[in-house]
Amino acid sequence: MRGGYQAARAVLLKLELVTRAVSLGSVDTLIEHPVGLTHRIVDEDALAEVGVTPDLLRLSVGLEDPADILADLGQALDAVIPMEAAALATP
């Protein structure tokens, strides 16, 4: 996600089918925001070193109809496009 932590959080809040989760292991499609959940206590430098950024979302695809998963992700991403555009325009 471009737009940092707030853009990643906005996508999470807009999802309807995909479930927010702390652990990625289920037959359902799950999404995790590592910086906001599992990696909250890890130092920023250590996170950056391994590529875990505030805008990173991890997705574990489940057994739902692929069209439904794509539709849910699409509507969530569409909802934050104005936020991303504003973040990119900010110097």
PDB file of N, CA and C in Angstrom:
ATOM      1  N   MET A   1       0.832  -1.180   0.000  1.00  0.00           N
ATOM      2  CA  MET A   1       0.000   0.000   0.000  1.00  0.00           C
ATOM      3  C   MET A   1       0.870   1.233   0.000  1.00  0.00           C
ATOM      4  N   ARG A   2       0.564   2.157  -0.855  1.00  0.00           N
ATOM      5  CA  ARG A   2       1.180   3.478  -0.750  1.00  0.00           C
ATOM      6  C   ARG A   2       0.285   4.279   0.174  1.00  0.00           C
ATOM      7  N   GLY A   3       0.874   5.199   0.902  1.00  0.00           N
ATOM      8  CA  GLY A   3       0.086   6.006   1.816  1.00  0.00           C
ATOM      9  C   GLY A   3       0.318   5.632   3.266  1.00  0.00           C
ATOM     10  N   GLY A   4       1.229   4.685   3.486  1.00  0.00           N
ATOM     11  CA  GLY A   4       1.644   4.353   4.843  1.00  0.00           C
ATOM     12  C   GLY A   4       0.608   3.632   5.674  1.00  0.00           C
ATOM     13  N   TYR A   5       0.788   3.753   6.965  1.00  0.00           N
ATOM     14  CA  TYR A   5      -0.026   3.049   7.954  1.00  0.00           C
ATOM     15  C   TYR A   5      -1.515   3.352   7.766  1.00  0.00           C
ATOM     16  N   GLN A   6      -1.844   4.619   7.568  1.00  0.00           N
ATOM     17  CA  GLN A   6      -3.249   5.010   7.459  1.00  0.00           C
ATOM     18  C   GLN A   6      -3.919   4.391   6.235  1.00  0.00           C
ATOM     19  N   ALA A   7      -3.212   4.297   5.115  1.00  0.00           N
ATOM     20  CA  ALA A   7      -3.789   3.674   3.917  1.00  0.00           C
ATOM     21  C   ALA A   7      -4.014   2.184   4.146  1.00  0.00           C
ATOM     22  N   ALA A   8      -3.055   1.514   4.770  1.00  0.00           N
ATOM     23  CA  ALA A   8      -3.208   0.092   5.053  1.00  0.00           C
ATOM     24  C   ALA A   8      -4.393  -0.126   5.986  1.00  0.00           C
ATOM     25  N   ARG A   9      -4.503   0.693   7.009  1.00  0.00           N
ATOM     26  CA  ARG A   9      -5.623   0.583   7.952  1.00  0.00           C
ATOM     27  C   ARG A   9      -6.952   0.852   7.261  1.00  0.00           C
ATOM     28  N   ALA A  10      -6.986   1.823   6.373  1.00  0.00           N
ATOM     29  CA  ALA A  10      -8.224   2.149   5.661  1.00  0.00           C
ATOM     30  C   ALA A  10      -8.705   0.958   4.826  1.00  0.00           C
ATOM     31  N   VAL A  11      -7.775   0.266   4.166  1.00  0.00           N
ATOM     32  CA  VAL A  11      -8.149  -0.919   3.391  1.00  0.00           C
ATOM     33  C   VAL A  11      -8.735  -1.973   4.322  1.00  0.00           C
ATOM     34  N   LEU A  12      -8.079  -2.223   5.434  1.00  0.00           N
ATOM     35  CA  LEU A  12      -8.575  -3.215   6.384  1.00  0.00           C
ATOM     36  C   LEU A  12      -9.998  -2.906   6.823  1.00  0.00           C
ATOM     37  N   LEU A  13     -10.283  -1.653   7.072  1.00  0.00           N
ATOM     38  CA  LEU A  13     -11.602  -1.268   7.560  1.00  0.00           C
ATOM     39  C   LEU A  13     -12.684  -1.378   6.489  1.00  0.00           C
ATOM     40  N   LYS A  14     -12.308  -1.344   5.225  1.00  0.00           N
ATOM     41  CA  LYS A  14     -13.273  -1.410   4.130  1.00  0.00           C
ATOM     42  C   LYS A  14     -13.602  -2.830   3.682  1.00  0.00           C
ATOM     43  N   LEU A  15     -12.792  -3.800   4.060  1.00  0.00           N
ATOM     44  CA  LEU A  15     -13.025  -5.178   3.626  1.00  0.00           C
ATOM     45  C   LEU A  15     -14.304  -5.729   4.234  1.00  0.00           C
ATOM     46  N   GLU A  16     -15.043  -6.495   3.432  1.00  0.00           N
ATOM     47  CA  GLU A  16     -16.296  -7.077   3.893  1.00  0.00           C
ATOM     48  C   GLU A  16     -16.229  -8.599   3.956  1.00  0.00           C
ATOM     49  N   LEU A  17     -15.600  -9.231   2.979  1.00  0.00           N
ATOM     50  CA  LEU A  17     -15.487 -10.689   2.924  1.00  0.00           C
ATOM     51  C   LEU A  17     -14.205 -11.158   3.601  1.00  0.00           C
ATOM     52  N   VAL A  18     -13.110 -10.516   3.268  1.00  0.00           N
ATOM     53  CA  VAL A  18     -11.803 -10.899   3.802  1.00  0.00           C
ATOM     54  C   VAL A  18     -11.758 -10.536   5.285  1.00  0.00           C
ATOM     55  N   THR A  19     -11.312 -11.483   6.108  1.00  0.00           N
ATOM     56  CA  THR A  19     -11.293 -11.324   7.560  1.00  0.00           C
ATOM     57  C   THR A  19      -9.936 -10.841   8.038  1.00  0.00           C
ATOM     58  N   ARG A  20      -9.955  -9.831   8.907  1.00  0.00           N
ATOM     59  CA  ARG A  20      -8.710  -9.393   9.553  1.00  0.00           C
ATOM     60  C   ARG A  20      -8.309 -10.455  10.559  1.00  0.00           C
ATOM     61  N   ALA A  21      -7.019 -10.769  10.596  1.00  0.00           N
ATOM     62  CA  ALA A  21      -6.558 -11.857  11.460  1.00  0.00           C
ATOM     63  C   ALA A  21      -5.174 -11.570  12.003  1.00  0.00           C
ATOM     64  N   VAL A  22      -4.838 -12.243  13.096  1.00  0.00           N
ATOM     65  CA  VAL A  22      -3.502 -12.163  13.677  1.00  0.00           C
ATOM     66  C   VAL A  22      -2.641 -13.292  13.140  1.00  0.00           C
ATOM     67  N   SER A  23      -3.272 -14.402  12.789  1.00  0.00           N
ATOM     68  CA  SER A  23      -2.566 -15.577  12.284  1.00  0.00           C
ATOM     69  C   SER A  23      -3.106 -15.918  10.902  1.00  0.00           C
ATOM     70  N   LEU A  24      -2.213 -16.263   9.987  1.00  0.00           N
ATOM     71  CA  LEU A  24      -2.644 -16.578   8.626  1.00  0.00           C
ATOM     72  C   LEU A  24      -2.668 -18.087   8.430  1.00  0.00           C
ATOM     73  N   GLY A  25      -3.749 -18.724   8.834  1.00  0.00           N
ATOM     74  CA  GLY A  25      -3.853 -20.163   8.659  1.00  0.00           C
ATOM     75  C   GLY A  25      -5.289 -20.611   8.793  1.00  0.00           C
ATOM     76  N   SER A  26      -6.030 -20.656   7.687  1.00  0.00           N
ATOM     77  CA  SER A  26      -7.436 -21.012   7.723  1.00  0.00           C
ATOM     78  C   SER A  26      -7.889 -21.327   6.302  1.00  0.00           C
ATOM     79  N   VAL A  27      -9.097 -21.829   6.170  1.00  0.00           N
ATOM     80  CA  VAL A  27      -9.666 -22.036   4.831  1.00  0.00           C
ATOM     81  C   VAL A  27     -10.324 -20.755   4.333  1.00  0.00           C
ATOM     82  N   ASP A  28     -10.431 -19.758   5.209  1.00  0.00           N
ATOM     83  CA  ASP A  28     -10.990 -18.462   4.837  1.00  0.00           C
ATOM     84  C   ASP A  28      -9.868 -17.528   4.400  1.00  0.00           C
ATOM     85  N   THR A  29     -10.197 -16.576   3.539  1.00  0.00           N
ATOM     86  CA  THR A  29      -9.215 -15.572   3.154  1.00  0.00           C
ATOM     87  C   THR A  29      -9.018 -14.627   4.323  1.00  0.00           C
ATOM     88  N   LEU A  30      -7.760 -14.441   4.701  1.00  0.00           N
ATOM     89  CA  LEU A  30      -7.409 -13.622   5.856  1.00  0.00           C
ATOM     90  C   LEU A  30      -6.407 -12.556   5.447  1.00  0.00           C
ATOM     91  N   ILE A  31      -6.430 -11.448   6.160  1.00  0.00           N
ATOM     92  CA  ILE A  31      -5.467 -10.379   5.912  1.00  0.00           C
ATOM     93  C   ILE A  31      -4.914  -9.917   7.253  1.00  0.00           C
ATOM     94  N   GLU A  32      -3.638  -9.586   7.243  1.00  0.00           N
ATOM     95  CA  GLU A  32      -2.961  -9.151   8.461  1.00  0.00           C
ATOM     96  C   GLU A  32      -2.167  -7.887   8.181  1.00  0.00           C
ATOM     97  N   HIS A  33      -2.124  -7.007   9.160  1.00  0.00           N
ATOM     98  CA  HIS A  33      -1.314  -5.792   9.112  1.00  0.00           C
ATOM     99  C   HIS A  33      -0.213  -5.972  10.158  1.00  0.00           C
ATOM    100  N   PRO A  34       0.946  -6.525   9.753  1.00  0.00           N
ATOM    101  CA  PRO A  34       1.992  -6.878  10.720  1.00  0.00           C
ATOM    102  C   PRO A  34       2.396  -5.749  11.669  1.00  0.00           C
ATOM    103  N   VAL A  35       2.587  -4.541  11.164  1.00  0.00           N
ATOM    104  CA  VAL A  35       3.047  -3.443  12.015  1.00  0.00           C
ATOM    105  C   VAL A  35       1.987  -3.095  13.064  1.00  0.00           C
ATOM    106  N   GLY A  36       0.725  -3.264  12.725  1.00  0.00           N
ATOM    107  CA  GLY A  36      -0.339  -2.951  13.663  1.00  0.00           C
ATOM    108  C   GLY A  36      -0.704  -4.095  14.587  1.00  0.00           C
ATOM    109  N   LEU A  37      -0.192  -5.306  14.312  1.00  0.00           N
ATOM    110  CA  LEU A  37      -0.574  -6.462  15.127  1.00  0.00           C
ATOM    111  C   LEU A  37       0.635  -7.223  15.643  1.00  0.00           C
ATOM    112  N   THR A  38       1.104  -8.160  14.840  1.00  0.00           N
ATOM    113  CA  THR A  38       2.115  -9.114  15.292  1.00  0.00           C
ATOM    114  C   THR A  38       3.504  -8.526  15.496  1.00  0.00           C
ATOM    115  N   HIS A  39       3.805  -7.416  14.839  1.00  0.00           N
ATOM    116  CA  HIS A  39       5.158  -6.841  14.912  1.00  0.00           C
ATOM    117  C   HIS A  39       5.178  -5.490  15.629  1.00  0.00           C
ATOM    118  N   ARG A  40       4.156  -5.204  16.400  1.00  0.00           N
ATOM    119  CA  ARG A  40       4.072  -3.902  17.090  1.00  0.00           C
ATOM    120  C   ARG A  40       5.259  -3.636  18.001  1.00  0.00           C
ATOM    121  N   ILE A  41       5.808  -4.677  18.596  1.00  0.00           N
ATOM    122  CA  ILE A  41       6.882  -4.474  19.576  1.00  0.00           C
ATOM    123  C   ILE A  41       8.282  -4.493  18.969  1.00  0.00           C
ATOM    124  N   VAL A  42       8.353  -4.720  17.649  1.00  0.00           N
ATOM    125  CA  VAL A  42       9.654  -4.800  16.986  1.00  0.00           C
ATOM    126  C   VAL A  42      10.145  -3.397  16.630  1.00  0.00           C
ATOM    127  N   ASP A  43      11.404  -3.153  16.859  1.00  0.00           N
ATOM    128  CA  ASP A  43      12.044  -1.874  16.566  1.00  0.00           C
ATOM    129  C   ASP A  43      11.891  -1.515  15.085  1.00  0.00           C
ATOM    130  N   GLU A  44      11.657  -0.230  14.789  1.00  0.00           N
ATOM    131  CA  GLU A  44      11.454   0.236  13.410  1.00  0.00           C
ATOM    132  C   GLU A  44      12.622  -0.108  12.493  1.00  0.00           C
ATOM    133  N   ASP A  45      13.840   0.022  12.991  1.00  0.00           N
ATOM    134  CA  ASP A  45      15.011  -0.295  12.171  1.00  0.00           C
ATOM    135  C   ASP A  45      15.043  -1.780  11.816  1.00  0.00           C
ATOM    136  N   ALA A  46      14.706  -2.622  12.771  1.00  0.00           N
ATOM    137  CA  ALA A  46      14.674  -4.065  12.520  1.00  0.00           C
ATOM    138  C   ALA A  46      13.575  -4.410  11.518  1.00  0.00           C
ATOM    139  N   LEU A  47      12.443  -3.745  11.634  1.00  0.00           N
ATOM    140  CA  LEU A  47      11.355  -3.970  10.674  1.00  0.00           C
ATOM    141  C   LEU A  47      11.786  -3.577   9.261  1.00  0.00           C
ATOM    142  N   ALA A  48      12.387  -2.411   9.149  1.00  0.00           N
ATOM    143  CA  ALA A  48      12.834  -1.922   7.844  1.00  0.00           C
ATOM    144  C   ALA A  48      13.863  -2.859   7.219  1.00  0.00           C
ATOM    145  N   GLU A  49      14.727  -3.395   8.048  1.00  0.00           N
ATOM    146  CA  GLU A  49      15.777  -4.297   7.567  1.00  0.00           C
ATOM    147  C   GLU A  49      15.201  -5.540   6.882  1.00  0.00           C
ATOM    148  N   VAL A  50      14.071  -6.025   7.367  1.00  0.00           N
ATOM    149  CA  VAL A  50      13.466  -7.233   6.785  1.00  0.00           C
ATOM    150  C   VAL A  50      12.283  -6.913   5.862  1.00  0.00           C
ATOM    151  N   GLY A  51      12.044  -5.623   5.605  1.00  0.00           N
ATOM    152  CA  GLY A  51      11.018  -5.234   4.647  1.00  0.00           C
ATOM    153  C   GLY A  51       9.608  -5.163   5.189  1.00  0.00           C
ATOM    154  N   VAL A  52       9.458  -5.133   6.504  1.00  0.00           N
ATOM    155  CA  VAL A  52       8.131  -4.987   7.102  1.00  0.00           C
ATOM    156  C   VAL A  52       7.902  -3.504   7.339  1.00  0.00           C
ATOM    157  N   THR A  53       7.073  -2.909   6.502  1.00  0.00           N
ATOM    158  CA  THR A  53       6.821  -1.473   6.536  1.00  0.00           C
ATOM    159  C   THR A  53       5.420  -1.196   7.069  1.00  0.00           C
ATOM    160  N   PRO A  54       5.148   0.049   7.488  1.00  0.00           N
ATOM    161  CA  PRO A  54       3.833   0.383   8.030  1.00  0.00           C
ATOM    162  C   PRO A  54       2.684   0.189   7.024  1.00  0.00           C
ATOM    163  N   ASP A  55       3.011   0.156   5.742  1.00  0.00           N
ATOM    164  CA  ASP A  55       1.968   0.016   4.730  1.00  0.00           C
ATOM    165  C   ASP A  55       1.837  -1.415   4.195  1.00  0.00           C
ATOM    166  N   LEU A  56       2.531  -2.365   4.812  1.00  0.00           N
ATOM    167  CA  LEU A  56       2.495  -3.750   4.363  1.00  0.00           C
ATOM    168  C   LEU A  56       1.251  -4.468   4.875  1.00  0.00           C
ATOM    169  N   LEU A  57       0.567  -5.149   3.969  1.00  0.00           N
ATOM    170  CA  LEU A  57      -0.542  -6.031   4.326  1.00  0.00           C
ATOM    171  C   LEU A  57      -0.191  -7.427   3.835  1.00  0.00           C
ATOM    172  N   ARG A  58      -0.455  -8.453   4.654  1.00  0.00           N
ATOM    173  CA  ARG A  58      -0.208  -9.850   4.260  1.00  0.00           C
ATOM    174  C   ARG A  58      -1.553 -10.512   4.020  1.00  0.00           C
ATOM    175  N   LEU A  59      -1.668 -11.178   2.903  1.00  0.00           N
ATOM    176  CA  LEU A  59      -2.921 -11.818   2.516  1.00  0.00           C
ATOM    177  C   LEU A  59      -2.714 -13.320   2.412  1.00  0.00           C
ATOM    178  N   SER A  60      -3.619 -14.067   2.990  1.00  0.00           N
ATOM    179  CA  SER A  60      -3.637 -15.521   2.881  1.00  0.00           C
ATOM    180  C   SER A  60      -4.949 -15.885   2.191  1.00  0.00           C
ATOM    181  N   VAL A  61      -4.861 -16.372   0.952  1.00  0.00           N
ATOM    182  CA  VAL A  61      -6.051 -16.637   0.152  1.00  0.00           C
ATOM    183  C   VAL A  61      -6.685 -17.955   0.571  1.00  0.00           C
ATOM    184  N   GLY A  62      -7.982 -17.905   0.802  1.00  0.00           N
ATOM    185  CA  GLY A  62      -8.738 -19.076   1.239  1.00  0.00           C
ATOM    186  C   GLY A  62      -9.481 -19.738   0.092  1.00  0.00           C
ATOM    187  N   LEU A  63     -10.561 -20.416   0.444  1.00  0.00           N
ATOM    188  CA  LEU A  63     -11.308 -21.223  -0.519  1.00  0.00           C
ATOM    189  C   LEU A  63     -12.547 -20.541  -1.082  1.00  0.00           C
ATOM    190  N   GLU A  64     -12.751 -19.267  -0.767  1.00  0.00           N
ATOM    191  CA  GLU A  64     -13.897 -18.559  -1.319  1.00  0.00           C
ATOM    192  C   GLU A  64     -13.764 -18.451  -2.837  1.00  0.00           C
ATOM    193  N   ASP A  65     -14.838 -18.092  -3.478  1.00  0.00           N
ATOM    194  CA  ASP A  65     -14.821 -17.878  -4.923  1.00  0.00           C
ATOM    195  C   ASP A  65     -13.817 -16.761  -5.231  1.00  0.00           C
ATOM    196  N   PRO A  66     -12.851 -17.019  -6.128  1.00  0.00           N
ATOM    197  CA  PRO A  66     -11.845 -15.988  -6.441  1.00  0.00           C
ATOM    198  C   PRO A  66     -12.459 -14.655  -6.858  1.00  0.00           C
ATOM    199  N   ALA A  67     -13.569 -14.686  -7.574  1.00  0.00           N
ATOM    200  CA  ALA A  67     -14.214 -13.434  -7.996  1.00  0.00           C
ATOM    201  C   ALA A  67     -14.697 -12.637  -6.789  1.00  0.00           C
ATOM    202  N   ASP A  68     -15.188 -13.325  -5.762  1.00  0.00           N
ATOM    203  CA  ASP A  68     -15.643 -12.637  -4.549  1.00  0.00           C
ATOM    204  C   ASP A  68     -14.469 -12.009  -3.802  1.00  0.00           C
ATOM    205  N   ILE A  69     -13.371 -12.725  -3.717  1.00  0.00           N
ATOM    206  CA  ILE A  69     -12.174 -12.193  -3.044  1.00  0.00           C
ATOM    207  C   ILE A  69     -11.667 -10.958  -3.791  1.00  0.00           C
ATOM    208  N   LEU A  70     -11.557 -11.075  -5.113  1.00  0.00           N
ATOM    209  CA  LEU A  70     -11.075  -9.941  -5.913  1.00  0.00           C
ATOM    210  C   LEU A  70     -12.013  -8.749  -5.815  1.00  0.00           C
ATOM    211  N   ALA A  71     -13.314  -9.000  -5.797  1.00  0.00           N
ATOM    212  CA  ALA A  71     -14.286  -7.909  -5.679  1.00  0.00           C
ATOM    213  C   ALA A  71     -14.130  -7.191  -4.340  1.00  0.00           C
ATOM    214  N   ASP A  72     -13.956  -7.953  -3.268  1.00  0.00           N
ATOM    215  CA  ASP A  72     -13.805  -7.342  -1.950  1.00  0.00           C
ATOM    216  C   ASP A  72     -12.518  -6.530  -1.872  1.00  0.00           C
ATOM    217  N   LEU A  73     -11.426  -7.101  -2.334  1.00  0.00           N
ATOM    218  CA  LEU A  73     -10.164  -6.364  -2.335  1.00  0.00           C
ATOM    219  C   LEU A  73     -10.259  -5.127  -3.228  1.00  0.00           C
ATOM    220  N   GLY A  74     -10.907  -5.269  -4.375  1.00  0.00           N
ATOM    221  CA  GLY A  74     -11.045  -4.143  -5.297  1.00  0.00           C
ATOM    222  C   GLY A  74     -11.817  -2.987  -4.699  1.00  0.00           C
ATOM    223  N   GLN A  75     -12.944  -3.295  -4.034  1.00  0.00           N
ATOM    224  CA  GLN A  75     -13.736  -2.201  -3.470  1.00  0.00           C
ATOM    225  C   GLN A  75     -12.994  -1.535  -2.313  1.00  0.00           C
ATOM    226  N   ALA A  76     -12.228  -2.304  -1.541  1.00  0.00           N
ATOM    227  CA  ALA A  76     -11.463  -1.722  -0.438  1.00  0.00           C
ATOM    228  C   ALA A  76     -10.343  -0.831  -0.964  1.00  0.00           C
ATOM    229  N   LEU A  77      -9.654  -1.306  -1.993  1.00  0.00           N
ATOM    230  CA  LEU A  77      -8.581  -0.502  -2.584  1.00  0.00           C
ATOM    231  C   LEU A  77      -9.136   0.741  -3.259  1.00  0.00           C
ATOM    232  N   ASP A  78     -10.262   0.608  -3.953  1.00  0.00           N
ATOM    233  CA  ASP A  78     -10.883   1.768  -4.591  1.00  0.00           C
ATOM    234  C   ASP A  78     -11.241   2.838  -3.568  1.00  0.00           C
ATOM    235  N   ALA A  79     -11.618   2.417  -2.371  1.00  0.00           N
ATOM    236  CA  ALA A  79     -12.012   3.365  -1.328  1.00  0.00           C
ATOM    237  C   ALA A  79     -10.839   4.194  -0.822  1.00  0.00           C
ATOM    238  N   VAL A  80      -9.606   3.686  -0.965  1.00  0.00           N
ATOM    239  CA  VAL A  80      -8.454   4.428  -0.451  1.00  0.00           C
ATOM    240  C   VAL A  80      -7.626   5.078  -1.547  1.00  0.00           C
ATOM    241  N   ILE A  81      -8.024   4.951  -2.796  1.00  0.00           N
ATOM    242  CA  ILE A  81      -7.262   5.577  -3.876  1.00  0.00           C
ATOM    243  C   ILE A  81      -7.111   7.079  -3.666  1.00  0.00           C
ATOM    244  N   PRO A  82      -8.164   7.812  -3.265  1.00  0.00           N
ATOM    245  CA  PRO A  82      -7.941   9.246  -3.010  1.00  0.00           C
ATOM    246  C   PRO A  82      -6.895   9.486  -1.920  1.00  0.00           C
ATOM    247  N   MET A  83      -6.867   8.625  -0.893  1.00  0.00           N
ATOM    248  CA  MET A  83      -5.885   8.770   0.181  1.00  0.00           C
ATOM    249  C   MET A  83      -4.482   8.525  -0.373  1.00  0.00           C
ATOM    250  N   GLU A  84      -4.335   7.506  -1.221  1.00  0.00           N
ATOM    251  CA  GLU A  84      -3.025   7.208  -1.821  1.00  0.00           C
ATOM    252  C   GLU A  84      -2.557   8.359  -2.690  1.00  0.00           C
ATOM    253  N   ALA A  85      -3.466   8.897  -3.503  1.00  0.00           N
ATOM    254  CA  ALA A  85      -3.102   9.998  -4.396  1.00  0.00           C
ATOM    255  C   ALA A  85      -2.630  11.203  -3.586  1.00  0.00           C
ATOM    256  N   ALA A  86      -3.302  11.487  -2.495  1.00  0.00           N
ATOM    257  CA  ALA A  86      -2.918  12.619  -1.642  1.00  0.00           C
ATOM    258  C   ALA A  86      -1.548  12.371  -1.025  1.00  0.00           C
ATOM    259  N   ALA A  87      -1.290  11.135  -0.597  1.00  0.00           N
ATOM    260  CA  ALA A  87       0.009  10.806   0.012  1.00  0.00           C
ATOM    261  C   ALA A  87       1.131  10.948  -0.998  1.00  0.00           C
ATOM    262  N   LEU A  88       0.870  10.559  -2.241  1.00  0.00           N
ATOM    263  CA  LEU A  88       1.901  10.660  -3.278  1.00  0.00           C
ATOM    264  C   LEU A  88       2.169  12.104  -3.661  1.00  0.00           C
ATOM    265  N   ALA A  89       1.154  12.957  -3.556  1.00  0.00           N
ATOM    266  CA  ALA A  89       1.302  14.356  -3.927  1.00  0.00           C
ATOM    267  C   ALA A  89       2.021  15.165  -2.852  1.00  0.00           C
ATOM    268  N   THR A  90       2.066  14.640  -1.629  1.00  0.00           N
ATOM    269  CA  THR A  90       2.713  15.342  -0.536  1.00  0.00           C
ATOM    270  C   THR A  90       4.230  15.175  -0.633  1.00  0.00           C
ATOM    271  N   PRO A  91       4.970  16.299  -0.668  1.00  0.00           N
ATOM    272  CA  PRO A  91       6.431  16.194  -0.768  1.00  0.00           C
ATOM    273  C   PRO A  91       7.073  15.628   0.478  1.00  0.00           C
TER     274      PRO A  91
END
